[in-house]
Amino acid sequence: MEDNRTLYIINFGRKLHENIIKEIETKYKTIAIEEIAKVNLNLSKNLYIQIIDIINTIPKNLLDGNKKICVNFPGLPIAAAYILVELHAK
């Protein structure tokens, strides 16, 4: 069921434990749907191009500005920065 209470979590890290999802749903009175965007980077290649490829795996309807989203960034700071830049550009 999707309505204006649905929150999409775009997760670039590890899958969130179900207790965390339930806590988010309770605290914000929302339905949380987690969308995993796997980040597996080769640090010897161009990171920015790899990040663009990862961003392109996210369903377009989540990035069109009509959905409530929450982003869980990866632990690698440079990857998080590039992801932020690309999401902002969308």
N, C-alpha and C. Protein backbone atom coordinates (compact mmCIF):
# COMPACT_ATOMS: atom_id res chain seq x y z
N MET A 1 0.84 -1.18 0.00
CA MET A 1 0.00 0.00 0.00
C MET A 1 0.89 1.24 0.00
N GLU A 2 0.63 2.12 -0.93
CA GLU A 2 1.42 3.34 -1.02
C GLU A 2 0.50 4.54 -0.89
N ASP A 3 0.86 5.44 0.00
CA ASP A 3 0.10 6.68 0.14
C ASP A 3 1.06 7.77 0.58
N ASN A 4 0.53 8.88 1.03
CA ASN A 4 1.40 9.99 1.40
C ASN A 4 2.16 9.72 2.70
N ARG A 5 1.86 8.62 3.38
CA ARG A 5 2.60 8.27 4.60
C ARG A 5 3.79 7.36 4.31
N THR A 6 3.99 7.00 3.06
CA THR A 6 5.08 6.08 2.71
C THR A 6 6.41 6.83 2.65
N LEU A 7 7.40 6.26 3.31
CA LEU A 7 8.77 6.79 3.31
C LEU A 7 9.67 5.76 2.65
N TYR A 8 10.37 6.16 1.63
CA TYR A 8 11.30 5.26 0.95
C TYR A 8 12.70 5.51 1.50
N ILE A 9 13.32 4.46 1.96
CA ILE A 9 14.69 4.55 2.47
C ILE A 9 15.61 4.03 1.38
N ILE A 10 16.37 4.93 0.79
CA ILE A 10 17.37 4.52 -0.20
C ILE A 10 18.64 4.21 0.57
N ASN A 11 18.96 2.94 0.63
CA ASN A 11 20.01 2.47 1.51
C ASN A 11 21.25 2.08 0.69
N PHE A 12 22.33 2.82 0.89
CA PHE A 12 23.59 2.53 0.23
C PHE A 12 24.53 1.75 1.15
N GLY A 13 24.04 1.37 2.31
CA GLY A 13 24.83 0.60 3.27
C GLY A 13 24.26 -0.79 3.44
N ARG A 14 24.44 -1.33 4.64
CA ARG A 14 23.90 -2.66 4.94
C ARG A 14 22.40 -2.58 5.13
N LYS A 15 21.74 -3.70 4.84
CA LYS A 15 20.30 -3.79 5.03
C LYS A 15 19.96 -3.48 6.48
N LEU A 16 18.95 -2.64 6.68
CA LEU A 16 18.54 -2.26 8.03
C LEU A 16 17.80 -3.41 8.71
N HIS A 17 18.06 -3.58 9.98
CA HIS A 17 17.38 -4.62 10.76
C HIS A 17 15.91 -4.26 10.86
N GLU A 18 15.06 -5.26 10.89
CA GLU A 18 13.61 -5.01 10.93
C GLU A 18 13.19 -4.19 12.14
N ASN A 19 13.93 -4.26 13.26
CA ASN A 19 13.61 -3.43 14.42
C ASN A 19 13.81 -1.94 14.12
N ILE A 20 14.83 -1.64 13.32
CA ILE A 20 15.08 -0.25 12.93
C ILE A 20 13.94 0.26 12.05
N ILE A 21 13.52 -0.57 11.10
CA ILE A 21 12.40 -0.19 10.22
C ILE A 21 11.14 0.05 11.05
N LYS A 22 10.86 -0.84 11.99
CA LYS A 22 9.66 -0.69 12.84
C LYS A 22 9.75 0.58 13.69
N GLU A 23 10.95 0.88 14.19
CA GLU A 23 11.13 2.09 14.99
C GLU A 23 10.87 3.35 14.16
N ILE A 24 11.36 3.35 12.93
CA ILE A 24 11.11 4.48 12.02
C ILE A 24 9.61 4.62 11.77
N GLU A 25 8.95 3.51 11.50
CA GLU A 25 7.52 3.54 11.21
C GLU A 25 6.72 4.06 12.40
N THR A 26 7.11 3.63 13.60
CA THR A 26 6.40 4.06 14.81
C THR A 26 6.66 5.53 15.10
N LYS A 27 7.93 5.92 15.07
CA LYS A 27 8.29 7.29 15.43
C LYS A 27 7.69 8.32 14.47
N TYR A 28 7.69 8.00 13.18
CA TYR A 28 7.24 8.97 12.18
C TYR A 28 5.85 8.66 11.62
N LYS A 29 5.19 7.64 12.21
CA LYS A 29 3.84 7.25 11.78
C LYS A 29 3.78 7.13 10.26
N THR A 30 4.65 6.28 9.74
CA THR A 30 4.81 6.11 8.31
C THR A 30 4.94 4.63 7.96
N ILE A 31 4.89 4.34 6.70
CA ILE A 31 5.20 3.01 6.18
C ILE A 31 6.56 3.14 5.51
N ALA A 32 7.55 2.41 6.01
CA ALA A 32 8.90 2.51 5.47
C ALA A 32 9.17 1.37 4.50
N ILE A 33 9.66 1.74 3.32
CA ILE A 33 10.04 0.77 2.31
C ILE A 33 11.51 0.99 2.00
N GLU A 34 12.30 -0.06 2.22
CA GLU A 34 13.74 0.05 2.02
C GLU A 34 14.11 -0.37 0.60
N GLU A 35 14.85 0.48 -0.06
CA GLU A 35 15.37 0.20 -1.41
C GLU A 35 16.89 0.13 -1.29
N ILE A 36 17.44 -1.06 -1.51
CA ILE A 36 18.89 -1.27 -1.38
C ILE A 36 19.57 -0.88 -2.69
N ALA A 37 20.59 -0.05 -2.60
CA ALA A 37 21.44 0.30 -3.74
C ALA A 37 22.84 -0.20 -3.39
N LYS A 38 23.21 -1.31 -3.95
CA LYS A 38 24.47 -1.95 -3.59
C LYS A 38 25.66 -1.11 -4.04
N VAL A 39 26.55 -0.85 -3.09
CA VAL A 39 27.77 -0.07 -3.36
C VAL A 39 28.95 -1.01 -3.22
N ASN A 40 29.54 -1.34 -4.36
CA ASN A 40 30.72 -2.20 -4.38
C ASN A 40 31.72 -1.52 -5.31
N LEU A 41 32.60 -0.72 -4.74
CA LEU A 41 33.47 0.14 -5.53
C LEU A 41 34.86 -0.46 -5.73
N ASN A 42 35.40 -0.22 -6.90
CA ASN A 42 36.79 -0.57 -7.20
C ASN A 42 37.57 0.74 -7.06
N LEU A 43 38.35 0.85 -6.00
CA LEU A 43 39.04 2.11 -5.70
C LEU A 43 40.15 2.44 -6.68
N SER A 44 40.52 1.50 -7.54
CA SER A 44 41.56 1.79 -8.53
C SER A 44 40.96 2.35 -9.83
N LYS A 45 39.63 2.44 -9.89
CA LYS A 45 38.97 2.99 -11.08
C LYS A 45 38.25 4.28 -10.71
N ASN A 46 37.73 4.97 -11.70
CA ASN A 46 37.06 6.24 -11.50
C ASN A 46 35.81 6.06 -10.62
N LEU A 47 35.87 6.60 -9.40
CA LEU A 47 34.77 6.43 -8.45
C LEU A 47 33.50 7.15 -8.90
N TYR A 48 33.67 8.31 -9.49
CA TYR A 48 32.51 9.11 -9.87
C TYR A 48 31.64 8.37 -10.90
N ILE A 49 32.28 7.76 -11.88
CA ILE A 49 31.54 7.01 -12.89
C ILE A 49 30.84 5.81 -12.25
N GLN A 50 31.51 5.16 -11.30
CA GLN A 50 30.89 4.03 -10.61
C GLN A 50 29.67 4.48 -9.81
N ILE A 51 29.76 5.64 -9.19
CA ILE A 51 28.64 6.18 -8.41
C ILE A 51 27.46 6.51 -9.32
N ILE A 52 27.74 7.07 -10.47
CA ILE A 52 26.66 7.37 -11.42
C ILE A 52 25.95 6.07 -11.80
N ASP A 53 26.70 5.01 -12.04
CA ASP A 53 26.09 3.71 -12.37
C ASP A 53 25.22 3.20 -11.23
N ILE A 54 25.66 3.40 -9.99
CA ILE A 54 24.88 2.96 -8.82
C ILE A 54 23.59 3.79 -8.72
N ILE A 55 23.70 5.09 -8.88
CA ILE A 55 22.52 5.96 -8.82
C ILE A 55 21.51 5.56 -9.89
N ASN A 56 22.00 5.16 -11.05
CA ASN A 56 21.11 4.77 -12.15
C ASN A 56 20.37 3.46 -11.88
N THR A 57 20.76 2.71 -10.85
CA THR A 57 20.02 1.48 -10.49
C THR A 57 18.79 1.78 -9.63
N ILE A 58 18.71 3.00 -9.10
CA ILE A 58 17.57 3.38 -8.25
C ILE A 58 16.37 3.64 -9.16
N PRO A 59 15.21 3.09 -8.82
CA PRO A 59 14.02 3.35 -9.64
C PRO A 59 13.79 4.85 -9.82
N LYS A 60 13.58 5.26 -11.05
CA LYS A 60 13.43 6.68 -11.39
C LYS A 60 12.31 7.36 -10.62
N ASN A 61 11.23 6.63 -10.33
CA ASN A 61 10.10 7.25 -9.64
C ASN A 61 10.44 7.67 -8.21
N LEU A 62 11.52 7.14 -7.65
CA LEU A 62 11.92 7.55 -6.30
C LEU A 62 12.68 8.87 -6.31
N LEU A 63 13.19 9.24 -7.46
CA LEU A 63 14.03 10.44 -7.55
C LEU A 63 13.36 11.58 -8.30
N ASP A 64 12.07 11.46 -8.57
CA ASP A 64 11.40 12.50 -9.35
C ASP A 64 10.87 13.65 -8.50
N GLY A 65 11.10 13.61 -7.19
CA GLY A 65 10.68 14.70 -6.32
C GLY A 65 9.27 14.56 -5.77
N ASN A 66 8.59 13.48 -6.12
CA ASN A 66 7.21 13.28 -5.66
C ASN A 66 7.07 12.27 -4.53
N LYS A 67 8.17 11.71 -4.08
CA LYS A 67 8.15 10.72 -3.00
C LYS A 67 8.99 11.23 -1.83
N LYS A 68 8.57 10.83 -0.62
CA LYS A 68 9.39 11.14 0.56
C LYS A 68 10.49 10.09 0.63
N ILE A 69 11.74 10.55 0.66
CA ILE A 69 12.86 9.62 0.74
C ILE A 69 13.77 9.98 1.90
N CYS A 70 14.43 8.97 2.38
CA CYS A 70 15.48 9.10 3.40
C CYS A 70 16.68 8.35 2.84
N VAL A 71 17.86 8.91 2.95
CA VAL A 71 19.05 8.28 2.38
C VAL A 71 19.97 7.81 3.50
N ASN A 72 20.36 6.54 3.42
CA ASN A 72 21.36 5.98 4.32
C ASN A 72 22.64 5.84 3.50
N PHE A 73 23.60 6.72 3.76
CA PHE A 73 24.82 6.77 2.96
C PHE A 73 25.79 5.65 3.35
N PRO A 74 26.69 5.28 2.42
CA PRO A 74 27.70 4.28 2.75
C PRO A 74 28.74 4.87 3.70
N GLY A 75 29.54 4.02 4.29
CA GLY A 75 30.55 4.46 5.26
C GLY A 75 31.76 5.14 4.64
N LEU A 76 32.02 4.90 3.37
CA LEU A 76 33.17 5.51 2.71
C LEU A 76 32.86 6.97 2.39
N PRO A 77 33.54 7.92 3.05
CA PRO A 77 33.19 9.34 2.91
C PRO A 77 33.17 9.86 1.47
N ILE A 78 34.15 9.48 0.65
CA ILE A 78 34.18 9.98 -0.72
C ILE A 78 32.99 9.45 -1.51
N ALA A 79 32.59 8.22 -1.26
CA ALA A 79 31.41 7.65 -1.94
C ALA A 79 30.16 8.39 -1.49
N ALA A 80 30.06 8.67 -0.20
CA ALA A 80 28.89 9.40 0.32
C ALA A 80 28.81 10.79 -0.31
N ALA A 81 29.96 11.45 -0.45
CA ALA A 81 29.98 12.79 -1.04
C ALA A 81 29.54 12.75 -2.51
N TYR A 82 30.05 11.81 -3.27
CA TYR A 82 29.67 11.69 -4.68
C TYR A 82 28.19 11.35 -4.82
N ILE A 83 27.68 10.47 -3.95
CA ILE A 83 26.26 10.11 -3.99
C ILE A 83 25.41 11.34 -3.71
N LEU A 84 25.80 12.13 -2.71
CA LEU A 84 25.06 13.35 -2.38
C LEU A 84 25.02 14.29 -3.58
N VAL A 85 26.14 14.47 -4.24
CA VAL A 85 26.21 15.35 -5.40
C VAL A 85 25.27 14.84 -6.50
N GLU A 86 25.31 13.55 -6.77
CA GLU A 86 24.48 13.00 -7.85
C GLU A 86 23.00 13.04 -7.51
N LEU A 87 22.65 12.73 -6.26
CA LEU A 87 21.24 12.81 -5.87
C LEU A 87 20.72 14.24 -5.96
N HIS A 88 21.56 15.19 -5.58
CA HIS A 88 21.17 16.60 -5.65
C HIS A 88 20.95 17.02 -7.11
N ALA A 89 21.73 16.46 -8.01
CA ALA A 89 21.62 16.80 -9.43
C ALA A 89 20.36 16.22 -10.07
N LYS A 90 19.80 15.18 -9.46
CA LYS A 90 18.59 14.55 -10.01
C LYS A 90 17.44 15.44 -9.71
